[in-house]
N, C-alpha and C. Protein backbone atom coordinates (compact mmCIF):
# COMPACT_ATOMS: atom_id res chain seq x y z
N MET A 1 -248.84 -170.49 15.97
CA MET A 1 -248.19 -169.39 15.23
C MET A 1 -246.88 -169.09 15.73
N GLN A 2 -246.04 -168.76 14.94
CA GLN A 2 -244.74 -168.41 15.14
C GLN A 2 -244.50 -166.82 15.22
N LEU A 3 -243.60 -166.30 16.13
CA LEU A 3 -243.27 -164.93 16.14
C LEU A 3 -241.87 -164.70 15.96
N VAL A 4 -241.43 -163.86 15.09
CA VAL A 4 -239.90 -163.57 14.94
C VAL A 4 -239.51 -162.70 16.16
N VAL A 5 -238.37 -163.14 16.72
CA VAL A 5 -237.97 -162.46 18.05
C VAL A 5 -236.42 -161.93 17.64
N GLY A 6 -235.92 -162.35 16.46
CA GLY A 6 -234.67 -161.76 16.07
C GLY A 6 -234.28 -162.27 14.71
N ARG A 7 -233.18 -161.59 14.21
CA ARG A 7 -232.67 -162.19 12.75
C ARG A 7 -231.24 -162.05 12.90
N ILE A 8 -230.46 -163.22 12.78
CA ILE A 8 -229.09 -163.27 12.81
C ILE A 8 -228.51 -162.38 11.68
N GLY A 9 -227.59 -161.63 12.19
CA GLY A 9 -226.84 -160.89 11.18
C GLY A 9 -225.47 -161.25 10.96
N ARG A 10 -224.51 -160.42 10.82
CA ARG A 10 -223.18 -160.76 10.43
C ARG A 10 -222.26 -161.30 11.59
N PRO A 11 -221.31 -162.14 11.29
CA PRO A 11 -220.57 -162.84 12.37
C PRO A 11 -219.84 -161.41 13.00
N HIS A 12 -219.35 -161.80 14.33
CA HIS A 12 -218.53 -160.95 14.94
C HIS A 12 -217.34 -161.60 15.63
N GLY A 13 -216.22 -161.20 14.92
CA GLY A 13 -215.07 -161.82 15.27
C GLY A 13 -214.91 -163.27 14.65
N ILE A 14 -213.94 -164.05 15.04
CA ILE A 14 -213.58 -165.33 14.39
C ILE A 14 -213.93 -166.51 15.20
N ARG A 15 -214.47 -166.49 16.45
CA ARG A 15 -214.91 -167.49 17.24
C ARG A 15 -216.40 -167.98 17.28
N GLY A 16 -217.13 -167.51 15.97
CA GLY A 16 -218.55 -168.06 15.95
C GLY A 16 -219.56 -167.20 16.45
N GLU A 17 -219.21 -166.18 17.05
CA GLU A 17 -220.32 -165.25 17.56
C GLU A 17 -221.04 -164.55 16.51
N VAL A 18 -222.41 -164.29 16.69
CA VAL A 18 -223.25 -163.64 15.72
C VAL A 18 -223.87 -162.47 16.23
N SER A 19 -224.11 -161.42 15.51
CA SER A 19 -224.78 -160.12 15.73
C SER A 19 -226.36 -160.62 15.54
N VAL A 20 -227.26 -160.11 16.40
CA VAL A 20 -228.79 -160.25 16.06
C VAL A 20 -229.40 -158.90 16.14
N GLU A 21 -230.27 -158.99 14.99
CA GLU A 21 -231.33 -157.77 15.17
C GLU A 21 -232.48 -158.12 15.77
N VAL A 22 -232.50 -157.45 17.11
CA VAL A 22 -233.62 -157.73 18.11
C VAL A 22 -235.00 -157.20 17.74
N ARG A 23 -235.89 -158.28 17.72
CA ARG A 23 -237.25 -157.98 17.55
C ARG A 23 -238.30 -158.30 18.57
N THR A 24 -237.76 -158.08 19.76
CA THR A 24 -238.53 -158.42 20.87
C THR A 24 -238.33 -157.45 21.97
N ASP A 25 -239.36 -157.20 22.88
CA ASP A 25 -239.11 -156.18 23.84
C ASP A 25 -238.36 -156.88 25.08
N ALA A 26 -238.15 -158.12 25.05
CA ALA A 26 -237.53 -158.75 26.23
C ALA A 26 -236.32 -159.66 25.85
N PRO A 27 -235.19 -158.99 25.36
CA PRO A 27 -234.13 -159.60 24.65
C PRO A 27 -233.36 -160.42 25.87
N GLU A 28 -233.31 -159.87 26.93
CA GLU A 28 -232.67 -160.56 28.14
C GLU A 28 -233.28 -161.99 28.38
N GLU A 29 -234.52 -162.01 28.26
CA GLU A 29 -235.32 -163.05 28.48
C GLU A 29 -235.20 -164.11 27.53
N ARG A 30 -235.50 -163.71 26.16
CA ARG A 30 -235.57 -164.44 24.94
C ARG A 30 -234.25 -165.12 24.60
N PHE A 31 -233.21 -164.28 24.85
CA PHE A 31 -231.73 -164.80 24.44
C PHE A 31 -230.88 -165.16 25.61
N ALA A 32 -231.58 -165.60 26.64
CA ALA A 32 -230.88 -165.77 27.74
C ALA A 32 -229.99 -167.27 27.59
N PRO A 33 -228.72 -167.32 28.35
CA PRO A 33 -227.97 -168.58 28.02
C PRO A 33 -228.88 -169.88 28.36
N GLY A 34 -228.91 -170.68 27.48
CA GLY A 34 -229.79 -171.90 27.69
C GLY A 34 -231.06 -171.99 26.97
N SER A 35 -231.45 -170.67 26.46
CA SER A 35 -232.61 -170.61 25.62
C SER A 35 -232.52 -171.49 24.18
N VAL A 36 -233.55 -171.97 23.80
CA VAL A 36 -233.55 -172.89 22.81
C VAL A 36 -234.78 -172.08 21.66
N LEU A 37 -234.24 -171.82 20.54
CA LEU A 37 -234.97 -171.00 19.61
C LEU A 37 -235.14 -171.65 18.42
N ALA A 38 -236.36 -171.88 17.96
CA ALA A 38 -236.57 -172.35 16.67
C ALA A 38 -236.07 -171.32 15.50
N THR A 39 -235.92 -172.03 14.31
CA THR A 39 -235.30 -170.90 13.26
C THR A 39 -236.27 -171.01 11.97
N ASP A 40 -236.22 -169.96 11.24
CA ASP A 40 -236.72 -170.02 9.88
C ASP A 40 -235.71 -169.47 8.76
N PRO A 41 -235.26 -170.45 7.97
CA PRO A 41 -235.72 -171.62 7.64
C PRO A 41 -235.42 -172.71 8.73
N ALA A 42 -236.28 -173.64 8.85
CA ALA A 42 -236.18 -174.52 10.06
C ALA A 42 -234.96 -175.55 9.98
N GLU A 43 -234.56 -175.82 8.86
CA GLU A 43 -233.27 -176.61 8.68
C GLU A 43 -232.14 -176.16 9.26
N ARG A 44 -231.99 -174.90 9.82
CA ARG A 44 -231.07 -174.24 10.35
C ARG A 44 -230.79 -174.38 11.83
N GLY A 45 -231.84 -174.90 12.23
CA GLY A 45 -231.94 -174.85 13.77
C GLY A 45 -232.59 -176.24 14.46
N PRO A 46 -233.19 -176.22 15.56
CA PRO A 46 -233.07 -175.05 16.62
C PRO A 46 -231.77 -174.72 16.89
N VAL A 47 -231.56 -173.58 17.59
CA VAL A 47 -230.26 -173.18 18.16
C VAL A 47 -230.36 -172.88 19.54
N THR A 48 -229.31 -173.21 20.11
CA THR A 48 -229.27 -172.95 21.78
C THR A 48 -228.17 -171.81 22.05
N VAL A 49 -228.64 -170.88 22.89
CA VAL A 49 -227.80 -169.74 23.14
C VAL A 49 -226.83 -170.31 24.29
N SER A 50 -225.68 -170.01 24.28
CA SER A 50 -224.54 -170.37 25.31
C SER A 50 -224.11 -169.10 25.80
N ARG A 51 -224.05 -168.08 25.22
CA ARG A 51 -223.69 -166.71 25.77
C ARG A 51 -224.42 -165.51 25.07
N MET A 52 -224.71 -164.58 25.85
CA MET A 52 -225.35 -163.41 25.31
C MET A 52 -224.68 -162.10 25.83
N HIS A 53 -224.34 -161.13 25.15
CA HIS A 53 -223.94 -159.96 25.82
C HIS A 53 -224.10 -158.75 24.64
N TRP A 54 -224.13 -157.57 25.17
CA TRP A 54 -224.19 -156.52 24.48
C TRP A 54 -222.90 -155.73 24.15
N HIS A 55 -222.82 -155.35 22.87
CA HIS A 55 -221.36 -154.64 22.36
C HIS A 55 -221.73 -153.47 21.58
N SER A 56 -221.43 -152.32 22.22
CA SER A 56 -221.64 -151.24 21.15
C SER A 56 -223.17 -151.16 20.75
N GLY A 57 -224.11 -151.40 21.68
CA GLY A 57 -225.57 -151.31 21.21
C GLY A 57 -225.95 -152.47 20.47
N ARG A 58 -225.22 -153.40 20.08
CA ARG A 58 -225.65 -154.66 19.37
C ARG A 58 -225.63 -155.79 20.34
N LEU A 59 -226.68 -156.67 20.11
CA LEU A 59 -226.76 -158.02 20.77
C LEU A 59 -225.86 -159.01 20.15
N LEU A 60 -225.05 -159.50 20.85
CA LEU A 60 -224.09 -160.74 20.27
C LEU A 60 -224.41 -161.91 21.18
N LEU A 61 -224.55 -162.98 20.34
CA LEU A 61 -224.76 -164.27 20.74
C LEU A 61 -223.67 -165.29 20.34
N THR A 62 -223.47 -166.31 21.26
CA THR A 62 -222.71 -167.37 20.86
C THR A 62 -223.65 -168.58 21.06
N LEU A 63 -223.80 -169.43 19.88
CA LEU A 63 -224.53 -170.58 19.90
C LEU A 63 -223.82 -171.96 19.87
N ASP A 64 -224.53 -172.70 20.71
CA ASP A 64 -223.92 -174.02 20.73
C ASP A 64 -223.61 -174.63 19.26
N GLY A 65 -222.43 -175.22 19.22
CA GLY A 65 -222.13 -175.90 17.96
C GLY A 65 -221.48 -175.00 16.75
N VAL A 66 -221.52 -173.66 17.21
CA VAL A 66 -221.11 -172.75 16.15
C VAL A 66 -219.61 -172.27 16.67
N GLU A 67 -218.64 -172.78 15.98
CA GLU A 67 -217.29 -172.65 16.56
C GLU A 67 -216.39 -171.49 15.95
N ASP A 68 -216.87 -171.08 14.58
CA ASP A 68 -215.86 -170.21 13.89
C ASP A 68 -216.82 -169.11 13.03
N ARG A 69 -216.16 -168.48 12.31
CA ARG A 69 -216.86 -167.40 11.54
C ARG A 69 -217.58 -168.05 10.39
N ASP A 70 -217.03 -169.10 9.82
CA ASP A 70 -217.81 -169.75 8.73
C ASP A 70 -219.23 -170.19 9.29
N GLY A 71 -219.16 -170.91 10.41
CA GLY A 71 -220.28 -171.38 10.87
C GLY A 71 -221.32 -170.35 11.19
N ALA A 72 -220.85 -169.02 11.71
CA ALA A 72 -221.67 -167.89 12.06
C ALA A 72 -222.31 -167.37 10.68
N GLU A 73 -221.44 -167.41 9.68
CA GLU A 73 -221.76 -166.82 8.43
C GLU A 73 -222.86 -167.77 7.60
N ALA A 74 -222.92 -168.91 7.88
CA ALA A 74 -223.97 -169.95 7.33
C ALA A 74 -225.30 -169.65 8.02
N LEU A 75 -225.44 -168.91 9.24
CA LEU A 75 -226.60 -168.56 9.78
C LEU A 75 -227.10 -167.27 9.50
N ARG A 76 -226.35 -166.52 8.70
CA ARG A 76 -226.62 -165.09 8.51
C ARG A 76 -228.14 -164.98 7.85
N ASN A 77 -228.91 -164.03 8.35
CA ASN A 77 -230.36 -163.88 7.92
C ASN A 77 -231.24 -164.98 8.21
N THR A 78 -230.87 -165.82 9.24
CA THR A 78 -231.89 -166.81 9.66
C THR A 78 -232.69 -165.92 10.61
N LEU A 79 -233.91 -166.24 10.71
CA LEU A 79 -234.86 -165.87 11.67
C LEU A 79 -235.04 -166.58 12.94
N LEU A 80 -235.10 -165.92 14.22
CA LEU A 80 -235.10 -166.78 15.37
C LEU A 80 -236.65 -166.48 15.65
N VAL A 81 -237.21 -167.74 15.94
CA VAL A 81 -238.73 -167.69 16.04
C VAL A 81 -239.16 -168.40 17.47
N ILE A 82 -240.17 -167.89 18.01
CA ILE A 82 -241.04 -168.72 19.30
C ILE A 82 -242.29 -168.89 18.97
N ASP A 83 -242.78 -169.96 19.65
CA ASP A 83 -244.22 -170.26 19.30
C ASP A 83 -245.05 -169.40 20.31
N THR A 84 -246.21 -168.71 19.65
CA THR A 84 -247.14 -168.03 20.65
C THR A 84 -247.59 -168.56 21.72
N ASP A 85 -247.78 -169.98 21.73
CA ASP A 85 -248.20 -170.66 22.98
C ASP A 85 -247.36 -170.63 23.97
N ASP A 86 -246.06 -170.35 23.83
CA ASP A 86 -245.02 -170.39 24.88
C ASP A 86 -244.99 -168.84 25.44
N LEU A 87 -245.62 -168.00 25.12
CA LEU A 87 -245.85 -166.60 25.68
C LEU A 87 -246.34 -166.65 26.99
N PRO A 88 -245.90 -165.88 28.03
CA PRO A 88 -246.61 -165.82 29.29
C PRO A 88 -247.85 -165.07 29.09
N ALA A 89 -248.95 -165.42 29.92
CA ALA A 89 -250.25 -164.58 30.01
C ALA A 89 -249.94 -163.30 30.47
N LEU A 90 -250.49 -162.41 30.06
CA LEU A 90 -250.41 -160.83 30.42
C LEU A 90 -251.32 -160.75 31.53
N ASP A 91 -250.79 -160.02 32.55
CA ASP A 91 -251.53 -159.67 33.83
C ASP A 91 -252.62 -158.57 33.56
N ASP A 92 -252.21 -157.66 32.85
CA ASP A 92 -252.97 -156.25 32.77
C ASP A 92 -253.87 -156.52 31.57
N PRO A 93 -255.29 -156.44 31.80
CA PRO A 93 -256.27 -156.71 30.75
C PRO A 93 -256.18 -155.56 29.73
N ASP A 94 -255.41 -154.39 29.83
CA ASP A 94 -255.00 -153.52 28.89
C ASP A 94 -253.95 -153.66 28.21
N GLU A 95 -253.21 -154.74 28.29
CA GLU A 95 -251.99 -154.98 27.63
C GLU A 95 -252.04 -156.08 26.46
N PHE A 96 -251.62 -155.97 25.44
CA PHE A 96 -251.76 -156.94 24.48
C PHE A 96 -250.35 -157.26 23.67
N TYR A 97 -250.24 -158.48 23.22
CA TYR A 97 -249.26 -158.72 22.49
C TYR A 97 -249.39 -158.32 20.91
N ASP A 98 -248.48 -157.79 20.22
CA ASP A 98 -248.74 -157.34 18.80
C ASP A 98 -249.57 -158.14 18.04
N HIS A 99 -249.09 -159.49 18.03
CA HIS A 99 -249.72 -160.54 17.09
C HIS A 99 -251.21 -160.59 17.33
N GLN A 100 -251.73 -160.22 18.63
CA GLN A 100 -253.15 -160.43 18.92
C GLN A 100 -253.84 -159.15 18.30
N LEU A 101 -253.21 -157.97 18.15
CA LEU A 101 -253.94 -156.98 17.49
C LEU A 101 -253.99 -157.02 16.01
N ILE A 102 -252.86 -157.39 15.44
CA ILE A 102 -252.75 -157.33 13.83
C ILE A 102 -253.84 -158.32 13.29
N GLY A 103 -254.73 -157.73 12.26
CA GLY A 103 -255.71 -158.50 11.72
C GLY A 103 -257.08 -158.08 12.36
N LEU A 104 -257.14 -157.31 13.26
CA LEU A 104 -258.37 -156.86 14.02
C LEU A 104 -259.01 -155.87 13.20
N ARG A 105 -260.29 -156.00 13.06
CA ARG A 105 -261.28 -154.94 12.41
C ARG A 105 -261.19 -153.69 13.27
N VAL A 106 -260.99 -152.33 12.61
CA VAL A 106 -261.03 -151.05 13.26
C VAL A 106 -262.18 -150.44 12.79
N GLU A 107 -262.89 -150.00 13.82
CA GLU A 107 -264.37 -149.26 13.55
C GLU A 107 -264.51 -148.22 14.55
N LEU A 108 -265.35 -147.25 14.12
CA LEU A 108 -265.71 -146.18 14.87
C LEU A 108 -266.77 -146.58 15.80
N ALA A 109 -267.14 -145.89 16.86
CA ALA A 109 -268.13 -146.26 17.78
C ALA A 109 -269.44 -146.49 17.33
N ASP A 110 -269.84 -146.01 16.14
CA ASP A 110 -271.03 -146.07 15.35
C ASP A 110 -271.02 -147.29 14.50
N GLY A 111 -269.86 -147.98 14.55
CA GLY A 111 -269.86 -149.33 13.66
C GLY A 111 -269.20 -149.14 12.40
N THR A 112 -268.96 -147.70 11.94
CA THR A 112 -268.40 -147.60 10.62
C THR A 112 -266.90 -148.18 10.42
N GLU A 113 -266.84 -149.04 9.70
CA GLU A 113 -265.50 -149.70 9.45
C GLU A 113 -264.40 -148.73 8.96
N LEU A 114 -263.31 -148.66 9.55
CA LEU A 114 -262.20 -147.88 9.17
C LEU A 114 -261.02 -148.89 8.26
N GLY A 115 -260.87 -150.05 8.71
CA GLY A 115 -259.89 -150.88 8.14
C GLY A 115 -259.45 -152.09 9.14
N VAL A 116 -258.33 -152.47 8.94
CA VAL A 116 -257.86 -153.62 9.55
C VAL A 116 -256.42 -153.29 10.21
N VAL A 117 -256.27 -153.62 11.46
CA VAL A 117 -254.71 -153.36 11.83
C VAL A 117 -253.65 -154.09 11.15
N ALA A 118 -252.91 -153.51 10.53
CA ALA A 118 -251.90 -154.09 9.66
C ALA A 118 -250.39 -154.27 10.55
N ASP A 119 -250.41 -153.36 11.50
CA ASP A 119 -248.82 -153.46 12.24
C ASP A 119 -249.10 -152.61 13.38
N VAL A 120 -248.11 -153.07 14.48
CA VAL A 120 -248.14 -152.11 15.55
C VAL A 120 -246.86 -151.49 15.47
N VAL A 121 -246.77 -150.26 15.65
CA VAL A 121 -245.60 -149.41 15.62
C VAL A 121 -245.13 -148.94 16.87
N HIS A 122 -243.85 -149.28 17.39
CA HIS A 122 -243.34 -148.89 18.67
C HIS A 122 -242.45 -147.60 18.37
N THR A 123 -242.80 -146.71 18.95
CA THR A 123 -241.95 -145.45 18.97
C THR A 123 -241.49 -145.06 20.45
N PRO A 124 -240.59 -144.28 20.74
CA PRO A 124 -240.11 -143.88 21.89
C PRO A 124 -241.36 -143.13 22.73
N ALA A 125 -242.24 -142.49 21.87
CA ALA A 125 -243.29 -141.80 22.56
C ALA A 125 -244.49 -142.47 22.92
N GLU A 126 -244.75 -143.35 22.03
CA GLU A 126 -246.15 -144.14 22.28
C GLU A 126 -246.24 -145.20 21.28
N GLU A 127 -247.07 -146.31 21.44
CA GLU A 127 -247.31 -147.19 20.32
C GLU A 127 -248.54 -146.69 19.39
N LEU A 128 -248.24 -147.10 18.18
CA LEU A 128 -249.29 -146.56 17.23
C LEU A 128 -249.89 -148.01 16.48
N ILE A 129 -251.04 -147.91 16.09
CA ILE A 129 -251.56 -149.03 15.30
C ILE A 129 -251.74 -148.53 13.87
N ALA A 130 -251.14 -149.35 12.89
CA ALA A 130 -251.27 -148.89 11.46
C ALA A 130 -252.40 -149.62 11.03
N VAL A 131 -253.31 -148.85 10.42
CA VAL A 131 -254.68 -149.16 10.12
C VAL A 131 -254.67 -149.18 8.44
N ARG A 132 -254.94 -150.49 7.95
CA ARG A 132 -254.90 -150.36 6.44
C ARG A 132 -256.38 -150.27 6.04
N ARG A 133 -256.75 -149.14 5.44
CA ARG A 133 -258.03 -148.91 4.86
C ARG A 133 -258.45 -149.65 3.73
N ALA A 134 -259.65 -149.72 3.25
CA ALA A 134 -260.11 -150.45 2.21
C ALA A 134 -259.35 -150.02 0.82
N ASP A 135 -259.03 -148.76 0.66
CA ASP A 135 -258.38 -148.18 -0.45
C ASP A 135 -256.83 -148.57 -0.48
N GLY A 136 -256.39 -149.24 0.38
CA GLY A 136 -254.91 -149.48 0.57
C GLY A 136 -254.08 -148.74 1.38
N ASP A 137 -254.64 -147.46 1.57
CA ASP A 137 -253.95 -146.71 2.25
C ASP A 137 -253.67 -146.98 3.84
N GLU A 138 -252.68 -146.54 4.48
CA GLU A 138 -252.51 -146.75 5.90
C GLU A 138 -252.58 -145.57 6.55
N VAL A 139 -253.10 -145.66 7.74
CA VAL A 139 -253.19 -144.68 8.82
C VAL A 139 -252.59 -144.97 10.07
N LEU A 140 -252.06 -143.93 10.73
CA LEU A 140 -251.55 -144.23 12.12
C LEU A 140 -252.30 -143.83 13.22
N VAL A 141 -252.85 -144.61 14.14
CA VAL A 141 -253.66 -144.17 15.21
C VAL A 141 -252.98 -144.27 16.58
N PRO A 142 -252.75 -143.40 17.41
CA PRO A 142 -252.15 -143.55 18.65
C PRO A 142 -252.98 -144.67 19.42
N PHE A 143 -252.14 -145.61 19.99
CA PHE A 143 -252.79 -146.80 20.76
C PHE A 143 -252.87 -146.38 22.26
N VAL A 144 -253.79 -145.32 22.57
CA VAL A 144 -253.97 -144.86 23.71
C VAL A 144 -255.46 -144.86 24.24
N SER A 145 -255.76 -145.13 25.42
CA SER A 145 -257.18 -145.24 25.81
C SER A 145 -258.17 -144.21 25.42
N ALA A 146 -257.56 -142.89 25.37
CA ALA A 146 -258.56 -141.79 25.12
C ALA A 146 -258.94 -141.89 23.56
N ILE A 147 -258.17 -142.57 22.73
CA ILE A 147 -258.59 -142.84 21.36
C ILE A 147 -259.03 -144.15 21.03
N VAL A 148 -258.49 -145.07 21.72
CA VAL A 148 -259.00 -146.48 21.50
C VAL A 148 -259.53 -147.08 22.81
N PRO A 149 -260.81 -146.76 22.85
CA PRO A 149 -261.52 -147.16 24.23
C PRO A 149 -261.72 -148.68 24.48
N LEU A 150 -261.92 -149.38 23.24
CA LEU A 150 -262.09 -150.78 23.34
C LEU A 150 -261.44 -151.66 22.46
N VAL A 151 -260.70 -152.71 22.99
CA VAL A 151 -260.22 -153.79 22.24
C VAL A 151 -260.97 -155.05 22.55
N ASP A 152 -261.62 -155.58 21.56
CA ASP A 152 -262.41 -156.62 21.87
C ASP A 152 -261.81 -157.87 20.92
N LEU A 153 -261.01 -158.60 21.56
CA LEU A 153 -260.09 -159.75 20.98
C LEU A 153 -261.27 -160.78 20.49
N ALA A 154 -262.24 -161.12 21.43
CA ALA A 154 -263.02 -162.11 21.02
C ALA A 154 -263.85 -161.88 19.91
N GLY A 155 -264.32 -160.57 19.96
CA GLY A 155 -265.32 -159.95 18.77
C GLY A 155 -264.29 -159.66 17.51
N GLY A 156 -262.99 -159.73 17.48
CA GLY A 156 -262.10 -159.50 16.44
C GLY A 156 -262.07 -157.96 16.00
N ARG A 157 -262.29 -157.08 17.10
CA ARG A 157 -262.45 -155.58 16.66
C ARG A 157 -261.74 -154.58 17.61
N ILE A 158 -261.54 -153.47 17.23
CA ILE A 158 -260.98 -152.36 17.89
C ILE A 158 -261.85 -151.29 17.61
N VAL A 159 -262.39 -150.54 18.61
CA VAL A 159 -263.22 -149.28 18.47
C VAL A 159 -262.25 -148.13 18.67
N VAL A 160 -262.30 -147.13 17.84
CA VAL A 160 -261.52 -145.94 18.00
C VAL A 160 -262.46 -144.97 17.97
N GLU A 161 -262.09 -143.81 18.75
CA GLU A 161 -262.90 -142.36 18.89
C GLU A 161 -261.84 -141.36 18.56
N PRO A 162 -261.46 -141.26 17.15
CA PRO A 162 -260.31 -140.12 17.08
C PRO A 162 -260.87 -138.72 17.27
N PRO A 163 -259.94 -137.82 17.76
CA PRO A 163 -260.34 -136.47 17.70
C PRO A 163 -260.39 -135.88 16.32
N GLU A 164 -261.09 -134.78 16.21
CA GLU A 164 -261.28 -134.36 15.00
C GLU A 164 -259.93 -133.91 14.18
N GLY A 165 -259.85 -134.28 12.91
CA GLY A 165 -258.70 -134.05 12.17
C GLY A 165 -257.52 -135.18 12.11
N LEU A 166 -257.79 -136.16 13.02
CA LEU A 166 -256.65 -137.31 13.11
C LEU A 166 -256.82 -138.03 11.92
N LEU A 167 -258.21 -138.42 11.52
CA LEU A 167 -258.18 -139.19 10.17
C LEU A 167 -259.09 -138.35 9.27
N ASP A 168 -258.57 -138.63 7.96
CA ASP A 168 -259.48 -138.08 6.86
C ASP A 168 -260.71 -139.01 6.60
N LEU A 169 -261.79 -138.66 7.20
CA LEU A 169 -263.00 -139.66 7.03
C LEU A 169 -263.94 -138.89 6.06
């Protein structure tokens, strides 16, 4: 399985530098010089990072073989991806990669099914799981141990104990 860690945006300057919309929590690791990233569409890559730096809050990359603005423009909207098998194992049993949670069944402690995890939303305050219900509606549930006491990856489920009023049941 592949995960998107960034999307190449518009060129920056005339020497082939590209801006990147970051979609990873470890950009310094993922985009370090020497990193080789697969692309989607695949025929545009792989690409090798030769330089990385931040400019006015944006990540800028220089990629091997991209010498000018035209070369950078040709890569615009290319997704930068990594294979999930290349991710390091997490040391904390209470930490999960987003892709491990998406698709898990969400149920109450009594087994009543609420829906399926559609997305993990990262906010400055906390992480939320977006639960898609059978009727197509989505509800956001804070991903904290007081509300989510059990994540059973092997069983394909998450158990939630929402406080009264959090979910319309």
